[in-house]
Amino acid sequence: FWLKSLATSGDGFRQSAALAVAGGHSAPTMTRGLLARSRAVLCAAHVPANRPFARTPRYNQREGFASHGGFPWLSGAAAAAAAIAVVSTPAVLLDEPKEKLSKGSVDNTEWKVDDCQSLDCLIFSGGAHRELAEGIATAMGTSLGGITLKRFADGEVSLQILESIRGKDVYLIQPTSPPVNENLMELLLMISTCRRASAKRITAVVPYYGYARQDRKMSSRVPISAADVARLLEAVGVDRVMAVDLHCGQIQGFFGPRVPVDNLEAQVIGLEYFKHKQLENPVVISPDAGGVYRARKFQEGLIMRGVDDVGIAMMIKQRSGPNRIAQMDLVGQVKGSDVIIVDDMIDTAGTLTEAAKELRRQGAKRIYAFAVHGLFNGPAIRRIEESPLMEVVITDSISPNEQTRSCSKITQLTIADMIAGAIARIHRKQSLQPLFENGE
């Protein structure tokens, strides 16, 4: 009776709605789950054409669409039929607008992110740094996806993703920090698993890129391991790579044009920290010639944040072997100044502590250090504690060990909010540049 009344009402939309329902969509067979997932709007089957909708009715599991005050007479099969009719005529649907990322929600130093669930993406963590991954998920208003990571008796990696990722954008958080080979293999298998499970797009978020220092041939018959890692990631099917302060920016070129690489600059977080330090005659120090560009950007960042008269100097070091410093000389003036040694990583802290000793001999007052990646291998913690360094500031791109946590001279800043903001912008196809411009 209801369909017949619609078909004979003379209203073109009502006729098309009735035909859509009668043409194969049996209302009693439609489940509540389908109705709820379709988010169908019960349109104006008996509302005058010149009356706009005051609100969008939603499906109620207990009362159906009859719970909407505008249509108290519709229930049961009639409500289901009307919903299917509306789904069949998308021109009259009134979807609620999706929340957009506001300009101020990400473009600031706190990198606040709106609800990630509106992004329709999934975030998974490997075993390298789950604490950072949880911080990223929290900043995005969501939780980590379910994944099981185990080891077989012979040491092989066993993993299983515990939810459907078909057609989804997937973000895998996994720094390839020590143990490098274990964490790299986990990342490769996670990417491969997502590719075989029909994920739409796979982004590897690698806060620390292992093998990054082997980016060129320093002698005969040695590998360029940073390039080989890039080839491995491409081979298993990664679509995009997001890294944090690569040791060498040219590593981005090791990936082919089909795999874009985003190199996030975490020194912005250090700048925000040091601008509140009340520095006297500050001088930014590059520990070697290769880091002058990084030190120059740090100097400019401090000036842009209102720190006056920031100088720059450079250390020239001569190595007697890997992780061994034979001699270190200063180029520049630091007498009576507070200095900040800026580097991308601290491994055994040999370069850092030798530079601090030389700076103290040259008359530097307070000696700070900032590095994005704190590896702290071997005697690093002991060297830092025995050095004239006042404070060493790092980020949590690498999971800290117990020695690092217990060292009173080490301060750790989080990059979770920064990465969360970058993920949100990438997913919404927005530029990353505002994240790092002019102190924002």
Foldseek 3Di string as FASTA:
>chain_A
DCLVCQCPVPDPLSVQLSCQCVVPPQQLVDDPVVQQVVQFFQDPSPDDPPDDDPDTQGADPVWGSCPDPVRVPDGDSRSSSSRSSCVVPVVPTDDDDQDDFDPPCQLAPLRAEEACVSLQAAEAEDDFCVPLSQLLQVSNNHGHFDKDWDADPVGDIDMDGDDQQAAHEYEYEFACFPVNVVRLVRQLVVLLVCVVSHHPAYEYEHAHQPLLVLCDDPDPPDDSVLLVSLVSNVVSPHQEYEYEPRQDPCSQVSHDPRYGYHYHYPCLVVLVVCLPVPWDLEEEEELAPVCQVVSVVSQVSSVLVPDPNYHYKYKHFDAPDVPHTDDIDIGDAAAPGEYEYEHAEQACCSSVQVVQVNSVVRHHDAYEYEYAYYRNPDNNLVSVVPGSHQAYEYEVSGPDDPSQVPRPRYHYHYCSSVVSSVVSCVSVVHDPVSNPPSSD
